[in-house]
Protein backbone atom coordinates (compact mmCIF):
# COMPACT_ATOMS: atom_id res chain seq x y z
CA MET A 1 47.42 115.81 161.59
CA SER A 2 47.60 114.77 157.96
CA PRO A 3 47.29 117.35 155.09
CA SER A 4 44.01 115.90 154.08
CA SER A 5 42.42 116.26 157.61
CA THR A 6 43.83 119.69 158.03
CA ALA A 7 42.47 120.81 154.64
CA SER A 8 39.02 119.59 155.62
CA THR A 9 38.91 122.13 158.52
CA ARG A 10 39.85 125.02 156.25
CA GLN A 11 37.57 127.43 154.38
CA ARG A 12 37.30 126.06 150.89
CA THR A 13 37.47 127.96 147.58
CA ARG A 14 35.09 127.45 144.70
CA SER A 15 37.55 125.10 143.06
CA CYS A 16 35.90 122.23 141.23
CA ALA A 17 39.04 120.15 141.01
CA THR A 18 38.40 116.51 141.89
CA ASP A 19 41.62 114.54 141.42
CA LEU A 20 44.94 114.09 139.77
CA VAL A 21 44.99 112.07 136.48
CA CYS A 22 47.88 110.80 134.29
CA HIS A 23 48.12 112.45 130.92
CA ARG A 24 48.83 109.11 129.27
CA CYS A 25 47.34 106.17 131.08
CA ASP A 26 44.45 107.80 132.81
CA ARG A 27 45.32 106.56 136.24
CA HIS A 28 43.71 108.72 139.05
CA TYR A 29 44.97 109.88 142.36
CA PRO A 30 43.46 111.87 145.20
CA LEU A 31 44.01 115.69 145.07
CA THR A 32 45.60 115.48 148.48
CA GLU A 33 48.44 113.16 147.23
CA THR A 34 51.92 114.71 146.62
CA VAL A 35 52.74 112.59 143.67
CA PHE A 36 53.63 114.63 140.58
CA ALA A 37 54.45 111.86 137.96
CA CYS A 38 52.64 108.66 137.23
CA PRO A 39 54.40 105.73 138.88
CA ASP A 40 53.15 103.45 136.03
CA CYS A 41 54.27 105.33 132.92
CA GLY A 42 56.32 108.23 134.23
CA LYS A 43 54.33 110.92 132.44
CA GLY A 44 53.16 114.08 134.13
CA LEU A 45 49.88 114.40 136.02
CA ASP A 46 47.00 116.64 135.13
CA ILE A 47 44.13 118.07 137.27
CA ALA A 48 40.52 116.84 136.67
CA TYR A 49 37.45 118.92 137.35
CA ASP A 50 33.81 118.62 137.88
CA TYR A 51 32.65 120.69 134.84
CA GLU A 52 28.98 120.56 135.58
CA LEU A 53 29.52 122.04 139.01
CA ALA A 54 31.93 124.68 137.43
CA ALA A 55 29.29 125.67 134.87
CA ARG A 56 26.67 126.24 137.68
CA HIS A 57 29.22 128.40 139.64
CA PHE A 58 29.86 130.50 136.52
CA ARG A 59 26.16 131.06 135.98
CA GLU A 60 25.66 131.98 139.66
CA ILE A 61 28.57 134.48 140.00
CA PRO A 62 28.92 137.11 137.21
CA SER A 63 32.21 138.31 136.04
CA SER A 64 31.83 141.71 137.75
CA ALA A 65 31.70 140.00 141.13
CA ARG A 66 34.91 138.15 140.59
CA PRO A 67 38.52 139.44 141.36
CA GLN A 68 40.46 140.89 138.50
CA ASN A 69 43.41 138.46 138.94
CA ILE A 70 44.36 134.92 138.19
CA TRP A 71 41.66 133.73 140.68
CA HIS A 72 38.91 135.23 138.54
CA PHE A 73 38.33 131.67 137.25
CA GLU A 74 39.00 129.84 140.54
CA GLU A 75 36.47 127.09 139.72
CA LEU A 76 38.88 125.87 136.95
CA LEU A 77 42.08 126.12 139.21
CA PRO A 78 43.31 123.45 141.53
CA ILE A 79 43.68 125.39 144.92
CA VAL A 80 41.09 124.42 147.45
CA ASP A 81 42.28 126.13 150.49
CA ALA A 82 40.99 129.79 150.55
CA SER A 83 43.66 131.00 153.02
CA ALA A 84 46.40 129.71 150.66
CA GLN A 85 44.76 131.35 147.64
CA ALA A 86 44.48 134.67 149.52
CA ARG A 87 48.17 134.87 150.22
CA VAL A 88 49.43 134.66 146.60
CA GLY A 89 48.62 136.10 143.17
CA ARG A 90 46.21 138.75 144.21
CA TYR A 91 47.90 141.17 141.60
CA SER A 92 48.89 138.55 139.06
CA GLY A 93 47.28 138.08 135.68
CA TYR A 94 44.54 140.13 134.05
CA THR A 95 47.17 141.76 131.72
CA PRO A 96 46.27 143.92 128.87
CA LEU A 97 45.06 142.73 125.43
CA ILE A 98 46.44 145.33 123.12
CA HIS A 99 45.15 145.98 119.59
CA ALA A 100 48.45 146.03 117.68
CA ASP A 101 47.33 148.19 114.79
CA ARG A 102 50.79 149.40 113.71
CA LEU A 103 52.45 145.94 114.00
CA GLY A 104 49.33 144.51 112.25
CA ALA A 105 49.76 147.00 109.37
CA GLU A 106 53.35 145.83 108.90
CA LEU A 107 52.22 142.26 108.72
CA GLY A 108 48.89 142.64 106.82
CA LEU A 109 46.73 141.81 109.76
CA SER A 110 43.82 144.12 110.71
CA ASN A 111 42.87 142.30 113.93
CA LEU A 112 46.24 141.56 115.59
CA TYR A 113 46.34 141.64 119.38
CA LEU A 114 49.07 141.35 121.84
CA LYS A 115 48.42 139.56 125.25
CA ASP A 116 51.03 141.55 127.14
CA ASP A 117 52.24 139.49 130.04
CA SER A 118 55.34 141.53 130.22
CA THR A 119 53.31 143.70 132.55
CA SER A 120 52.24 140.77 134.79
CA ARG A 121 52.74 141.41 138.41
CA PRO A 122 54.94 141.10 140.33
CA SER A 123 57.75 139.87 138.16
CA LEU A 124 56.87 140.98 134.70
CA SER A 125 56.44 137.66 132.90
CA TYR A 126 53.82 135.04 132.31
CA LYS A 127 55.50 132.89 134.91
CA ASP A 128 53.70 134.71 137.67
CA ARG A 129 50.60 132.84 136.66
CA VAL A 130 52.10 129.37 136.99
CA VAL A 131 54.38 130.05 140.03
CA ALA A 132 51.39 131.52 141.97
CA MET A 133 49.69 128.15 141.61
CA SER A 134 52.83 126.32 142.94
CA ILE A 135 53.21 128.53 145.94
CA ALA A 136 49.49 128.41 146.80
CA ARG A 137 49.82 124.62 146.73
CA LEU A 138 52.99 124.83 148.95
CA LEU A 139 50.89 126.78 151.41
CA GLU A 140 48.08 124.17 151.24
CA LEU A 141 50.73 121.62 152.19
CA GLY A 142 51.96 123.66 155.13
CA ARG A 143 55.48 123.92 153.77
CA GLU A 144 57.82 127.03 154.21
CA GLU A 145 60.49 126.71 151.54
CA ILE A 146 60.43 126.28 147.76
CA GLY A 147 62.94 125.60 145.13
CA CYS A 148 62.90 125.94 141.30
CA VAL A 149 65.16 125.27 138.35
CA SER A 150 64.99 128.24 135.86
CA THR A 151 66.30 129.66 132.75
CA GLY A 152 65.20 133.02 133.93
CA ASN A 153 61.64 134.10 134.57
CA VAL A 154 60.60 131.19 136.82
CA GLY A 155 63.35 132.32 139.25
CA THR A 156 62.21 135.87 139.48
CA ALA A 157 58.57 134.81 139.79
CA VAL A 158 59.47 132.37 142.63
CA ALA A 159 61.59 134.96 144.33
CA SER A 160 58.84 137.67 144.10
CA LEU A 161 55.83 135.56 145.07
CA ALA A 162 57.65 133.54 147.72
CA ALA A 163 58.68 136.76 149.46
CA LYS A 164 55.01 137.98 149.54
CA ALA A 165 53.85 134.65 150.85
CA GLY A 166 56.60 134.58 153.51
CA VAL A 167 58.39 131.43 152.45
CA SER A 168 62.10 130.83 151.65
CA ALA A 169 63.16 130.56 147.97
CA TYR A 170 66.03 128.69 146.37
CA VAL A 171 66.69 129.19 142.61
CA PHE A 172 68.98 126.92 140.56
CA TYR A 173 70.20 128.34 137.28
CA PRO A 174 72.02 126.53 134.56
CA ASN A 175 75.45 127.77 133.47
CA ARG A 176 74.03 129.93 130.61
CA LEU A 177 71.74 132.21 132.55
CA GLU A 178 70.29 135.60 132.07
CA ALA A 179 72.42 137.30 134.70
CA MET A 180 70.16 140.30 135.35
CA LYS A 181 67.28 137.89 136.33
CA ALA A 182 69.56 136.13 138.82
CA ARG A 183 70.62 139.45 140.34
CA ALA A 184 66.89 140.33 140.65
CA CYS A 185 66.39 137.03 142.56
CA ARG A 186 69.05 137.93 144.98
CA ALA A 187 67.68 141.41 145.42
CA LEU A 188 64.25 139.90 146.18
CA GLY A 189 65.90 137.78 148.98
CA ALA A 190 66.07 134.37 147.24
CA GLU A 191 69.15 132.19 147.41
CA VAL A 192 70.66 131.60 143.99
CA CYS A 193 72.89 128.68 142.84
CA GLN A 194 74.41 128.61 139.37
CA VAL A 195 75.02 125.06 138.33
CA GLU A 196 77.32 123.81 135.54
CA GLY A 197 75.22 122.22 132.89
CA ASN A 198 72.30 123.19 130.63
CA TYR A 199 68.70 123.46 131.79
CA ASP A 200 67.84 119.85 131.10
CA GLU A 201 70.93 118.61 133.06
CA VAL A 202 70.21 120.90 136.00
CA ASN A 203 66.52 119.83 135.95
CA ARG A 204 67.46 116.18 136.33
CA ARG A 205 69.72 116.95 139.25
CA CYS A 206 67.09 119.17 140.94
CA ARG A 207 64.75 116.16 140.87
CA GLU A 208 67.37 114.30 142.83
CA VAL A 209 67.78 117.23 145.22
CA ALA A 210 64.05 117.33 145.76
CA ALA A 211 63.97 113.65 146.59
CA ALA A 212 67.07 113.88 148.90
CA THR A 213 65.96 116.95 150.82
CA GLY A 214 62.16 116.85 150.76
CA MET A 215 62.12 120.37 149.28
CA GLU A 216 59.17 121.17 147.09
CA PHE A 217 60.17 122.48 143.61
CA ALA A 218 57.72 124.87 141.83
CA ASN A 219 58.14 123.42 138.40
CA ILE A 220 58.99 119.81 139.42
CA THR A 221 57.31 118.36 142.46
CA LEU A 222 54.45 120.98 142.22
CA ARG A 223 54.18 120.77 138.48
CA PRO A 224 50.56 119.50 138.10
CA PHE A 225 49.51 122.67 140.05
CA TYR A 226 52.04 124.94 138.45
CA ALA A 227 50.91 124.06 134.84
CA GLU A 228 47.25 124.90 135.62
CA GLY A 229 48.20 128.54 136.14
CA ALA A 230 48.94 128.85 132.44
CA LYS A 231 45.29 128.27 131.46
CA THR A 232 44.40 131.63 132.93
CA ALA A 233 45.94 133.38 129.86
CA ALA A 234 43.48 131.54 127.59
CA PHE A 235 40.57 132.39 129.75
CA GLU A 236 41.42 136.07 129.89
CA ILE A 237 42.08 136.41 126.19
CA VAL A 238 38.55 135.02 125.28
CA GLU A 239 36.85 137.11 127.91
CA GLN A 240 38.76 140.25 126.74
CA LEU A 241 37.48 139.57 123.25
CA ASP A 242 33.90 139.59 124.64
CA TRP A 243 33.78 135.77 124.69
CA VAL A 244 34.61 135.37 120.97
CA SER A 245 37.61 133.08 120.87
CA PRO A 246 40.33 134.25 118.47
CA ASP A 247 41.08 132.52 115.16
CA HIS A 248 44.73 132.09 116.06
CA ILE A 249 46.98 132.26 119.12
CA VAL A 250 50.80 132.48 118.61
CA THR A 251 53.11 131.87 121.60
CA ALA A 252 56.74 130.86 122.27
CA ALA A 253 57.37 127.39 123.65
CA ALA A 254 60.22 126.15 125.97
CA GLY A 255 59.05 123.45 128.27
CA GLY A 256 55.59 123.44 126.68
CA THR A 257 53.55 124.34 129.67
CA LEU A 258 51.89 127.47 128.26
CA SER A 259 50.99 126.29 124.76
CA SER A 260 49.64 122.93 125.99
CA ARG A 261 47.51 124.50 128.75
CA LEU A 262 46.17 127.17 126.43
CA HIS A 263 44.66 124.25 124.57
CA LYS A 264 43.19 122.82 127.85
CA GLY A 265 41.84 126.23 128.87
CA LEU A 266 40.14 126.81 125.53
CA GLY A 267 38.66 123.38 125.74
CA GLU A 268 37.29 124.04 129.25
CA LEU A 269 35.62 127.31 128.10
CA GLN A 270 33.88 125.23 125.34
CA LEU A 271 32.74 122.60 127.90
CA LEU A 272 31.23 125.23 130.15
CA GLY A 273 29.41 126.84 127.22
CA LEU A 274 31.14 130.16 127.75
CA SER A 275 32.63 130.44 124.12
CA ASP A 276 32.93 128.50 120.96
CA THR A 277 36.67 127.89 121.12
CA ASP A 278 37.01 124.74 119.01
CA PRO A 279 37.99 126.67 115.84
CA THR A 280 40.96 128.56 117.56
CA ARG A 281 44.34 127.40 116.21
CA ILE A 282 47.51 127.40 118.29
CA HIS A 283 50.91 128.02 116.70
CA ILE A 284 54.23 127.76 118.57
CA ALA A 285 57.47 129.64 118.12
CA GLN A 286 60.96 128.56 119.07
CA PRO A 287 64.51 129.69 118.36
CA SER A 288 66.27 127.75 115.62
CA GLY A 289 68.99 126.84 118.09
CA CYS A 290 66.57 125.01 120.32
CA ASN A 291 63.48 123.90 118.40
CA PRO A 292 62.67 120.33 119.31
CA ILE A 293 58.94 120.88 119.52
CA ALA A 294 58.60 122.97 116.30
CA SER A 295 60.71 120.41 114.45
CA ALA A 296 58.62 117.53 115.60
CA ILE A 297 55.41 119.38 114.57
CA LEU A 298 56.72 120.13 111.10
CA ALA A 299 57.96 116.60 110.72
CA GLU A 300 54.51 115.34 111.89
CA GLU A 301 56.08 113.27 114.68
CA ALA A 302 54.35 112.45 117.99
CA GLU A 303 57.36 112.90 120.27
CA VAL A 304 60.17 115.28 120.53
CA HIS A 305 63.82 114.46 119.93
CA PRO A 306 66.05 116.22 122.50
CA VAL A 307 68.56 118.72 121.32
CA THR A 308 71.44 120.67 122.78
CA PRO A 309 70.40 124.28 123.01
CA GLU A 310 72.51 126.91 121.28
CA THR A 311 70.63 130.20 121.30
CA ALA A 312 70.63 133.70 122.70
CA ALA A 313 66.99 133.14 123.78
CA HIS A 314 68.08 131.60 127.02
CA SER A 315 64.61 131.46 128.52
CA LEU A 316 63.58 129.14 125.70
CA ALA A 317 66.71 126.96 125.89
CA ILE A 318 65.07 123.73 127.03
CA GLY A 319 66.36 120.91 124.79
CA ALA A 320 64.18 118.10 126.25
CA PRO A 321 60.80 119.75 126.97
CA GLY A 322 58.78 117.68 129.51
CA ASP A 323 55.49 118.66 127.97
CA GLY A 324 56.66 118.67 124.40
CA TYR A 325 54.33 115.68 123.46
CA LEU A 326 51.34 117.60 124.96
CA VAL A 327 52.23 120.59 122.76
CA ILE A 328 52.47 118.48 119.68
CA ASP A 329 49.00 116.99 120.47
CA ALA A 330 47.56 120.48 121.15
CA VAL A 331 48.82 122.03 117.98
CA ARG A 332 47.73 118.99 115.86
CA LYS A 333 44.26 118.97 117.30
CA ARG A 334 43.82 122.69 116.70
CA GLY A 335 45.16 122.64 113.24
CA GLY A 336 48.11 124.89 114.02
CA THR A 337 51.77 124.72 113.16
CA GLY A 338 55.27 125.37 114.55
CA GLY A 339 57.96 127.84 113.37
CA PHE A 340 61.40 128.91 114.45
CA ALA A 341 63.65 131.89 114.07
CA SER A 342 67.45 132.52 114.12
CA ASP A 343 68.93 134.68 116.83
CA PRO A 344 69.32 137.68 114.35
CA GLU A 345 65.65 137.19 113.48
CA ILE A 346 64.73 137.14 117.12
CA PHE A 347 66.37 140.44 117.80
CA ALA A 348 64.85 141.88 114.70
CA GLY A 349 61.53 140.83 116.15
CA ILE A 350 62.27 142.71 119.30
CA ASP A 351 63.12 145.74 117.36
CA LEU A 352 60.04 145.45 115.25
CA LEU A 353 57.70 145.18 118.26
CA ALA A 354 59.42 148.15 119.90
CA ALA A 355 59.27 150.32 116.73
CA THR A 356 55.57 149.69 116.07
CA GLU A 357 54.03 149.15 119.42
CA GLY A 358 56.40 150.73 121.88
CA LEU A 359 56.82 147.44 123.77
CA LEU A 360 60.15 146.20 124.86
CA THR A 361 60.22 142.40 125.10
CA GLU A 362 62.86 139.81 125.91
CA PRO A 363 64.20 137.25 123.32
CA ALA A 364 61.30 134.88 124.01
CA GLY A 365 58.89 137.65 122.90
CA GLY A 366 61.12 138.47 119.97
CA THR A 367 60.87 134.77 118.96
CA THR A 368 57.07 135.03 119.02
CA VAL A 369 57.08 138.19 116.83
CA ALA A 370 59.65 136.78 114.38
CA VAL A 371 57.70 133.50 113.90
CA LEU A 372 54.40 135.53 113.75
CA GLU A 373 55.87 137.55 110.88
CA LYS A 374 56.90 134.32 109.07
CA LEU A 375 53.52 132.83 109.44
CA ALA A 376 51.86 136.00 108.15
CA ARG A 377 54.14 136.06 105.09
CA GLU A 378 53.38 132.42 104.41
CA GLY A 379 49.65 133.16 104.41
CA LYS A 380 48.77 131.25 107.53
CA PHE A 381 46.33 134.04 108.46
CA ALA A 382 43.56 135.68 106.48
CA PRO A 383 43.92 139.53 106.60
CA ASP A 384 40.90 139.88 108.85
CA ASP A 385 41.48 136.93 111.10
CA THR A 386 41.75 137.71 114.85
CA VAL A 387 45.19 136.77 115.80
CA VAL A 388 46.62 137.03 119.40
CA ALA A 389 50.37 136.82 120.03
CA ILE A 390 51.39 136.35 123.60
CA ILE A 391 54.31 138.45 124.87
CA THR A 392 55.57 136.43 127.79
CA GLY A 393 58.33 138.63 129.31
CA ASN A 394 59.70 142.05 129.72
CA GLY A 395 62.76 143.22 127.84
CA LEU A 396 64.02 145.37 130.72
CA LYS A 397 65.29 142.11 132.33
CA THR A 398 67.37 141.14 129.40
CA LEU A 399 68.94 144.30 128.00
CA ASP A 400 72.47 142.93 128.71
CA ASP A 401 71.74 140.27 126.10
CA HIS A 402 70.69 142.62 123.37
CA PRO A 403 73.05 143.55 120.54
CA ALA A 404 74.74 146.92 121.44
CA LYS A 405 73.23 150.09 120.04
CA PRO A 406 75.71 152.86 120.78
CA TRP A 407 74.83 156.56 120.96
CA PRO A 408 76.76 159.79 121.03
CA ALA A 409 78.28 160.05 124.43
CA LYS A 410 79.83 163.06 126.19
CA ILE A 411 79.32 165.59 123.33
CA ASP A 412 79.86 169.16 124.38
CA CYS A 413 76.93 170.97 125.96
CA GLU A 414 76.86 173.50 123.15
CA LEU A 415 74.27 174.26 120.46
CA GLY A 416 76.47 173.52 117.46
CA ALA A 417 77.79 170.23 118.90
CA MET A 418 74.29 169.08 119.70
CA ILE A 419 72.95 169.94 116.23
CA ALA A 420 75.92 168.23 114.70
CA ALA A 421 75.09 165.11 116.88
CA LEU A 422 71.53 165.18 115.56
CA GLU A 423 72.68 165.34 112.01
CA GLY A 424 75.13 162.47 112.76
CA LEU A 425 72.10 160.42 113.87
CA GLY A 426 70.49 160.94 110.49
CA ARG A 427 68.23 163.98 111.10
CA LYS A 428 68.06 166.15 108.12
CA PRO A 429 68.89 169.84 108.65
CA SER A 430 65.81 172.12 108.63
CA PRO A 431 65.51 175.79 108.36
CA VAL A 432 65.20 177.50 111.77
CA ALA A 433 62.15 179.82 112.13
CA ALA A 434 63.08 183.49 112.34
């Protein structure tokens, strides 16, 4: 029985997805096809929707009757098989939107918010959103194994969500990996292969592996579905702000999936009449050692020029981002800009976020904070603008990569020694109450 005939006998979700469409040449394919790139122009495929039907569904079913997870907006997501949807992502998404008053005070912003995807479940990064879509699609296809190429967080998301769905996971990391994330993948039962080469080189080889073995890859062969999961962050931000879209969104960019689909998600909310999102600007942050998208935006170019990554922000080290041209288009249409930060500035951003908001992020989040600070100093935001910065991953997974911060170790368990240690740490002596 073909996948399409099998799907017709299954209970259907409220998805209003209609077909696959090429980003560039507008060629359409049935949603049941397994094609992931346009045969004519080679560009990636997108998902098209019936927005009139989606608007009716949104009017009929109130927010309070919807699940508090990524499937809250299932009309605008591409999974049509209800049984596949039920097996993955039930606890993903709906992360906090935090009013960052102390960080905002440092930056002169009274309405600064953090979309904290470092608390996303199950793997503590925004990648839970996109990988959930890939695995749900895998289940729709009736497949039982999934691969991915990862700089870090995709791997842990695949390992976590595949385990919950009961499918086998294979994670390919480039040579400069974030080792703790690879160890987490193994602890979660995934098989891990570290491959000599940077992310872009390994990605090209994984495409060949997929073709040779028939294995589905979360962020390659399933990419049109994978990418749609990123929109859920935009949906949640606007809803959490009582359907008033922010003036600005700042986020890190690697392959470009998140920033480009934020643009799509905001546009869909506008189409459905749920919020006036057209004025929202999107700004992207990259490390200076791997900034092909930011450089193209600042140079007002339509395409990225690949670079060789050299940065401690390994999860952003994609020198030839597949969706880079989509990010450029999104940022330009929304009147935003790009920025980049050096590795020392990135770690200073991590420290600033920790010191003001008590949140420990990884270098990708530090990049966002560092560029946010630069944009604020440059006057890109009015003091009372509503600004949302997306914190995409948890710093507990990358502590080995942070600069060392030693502490007094093995001091004597004795009052004088402990007080001396406090004074050595900079605490001023104070009189002891009688």
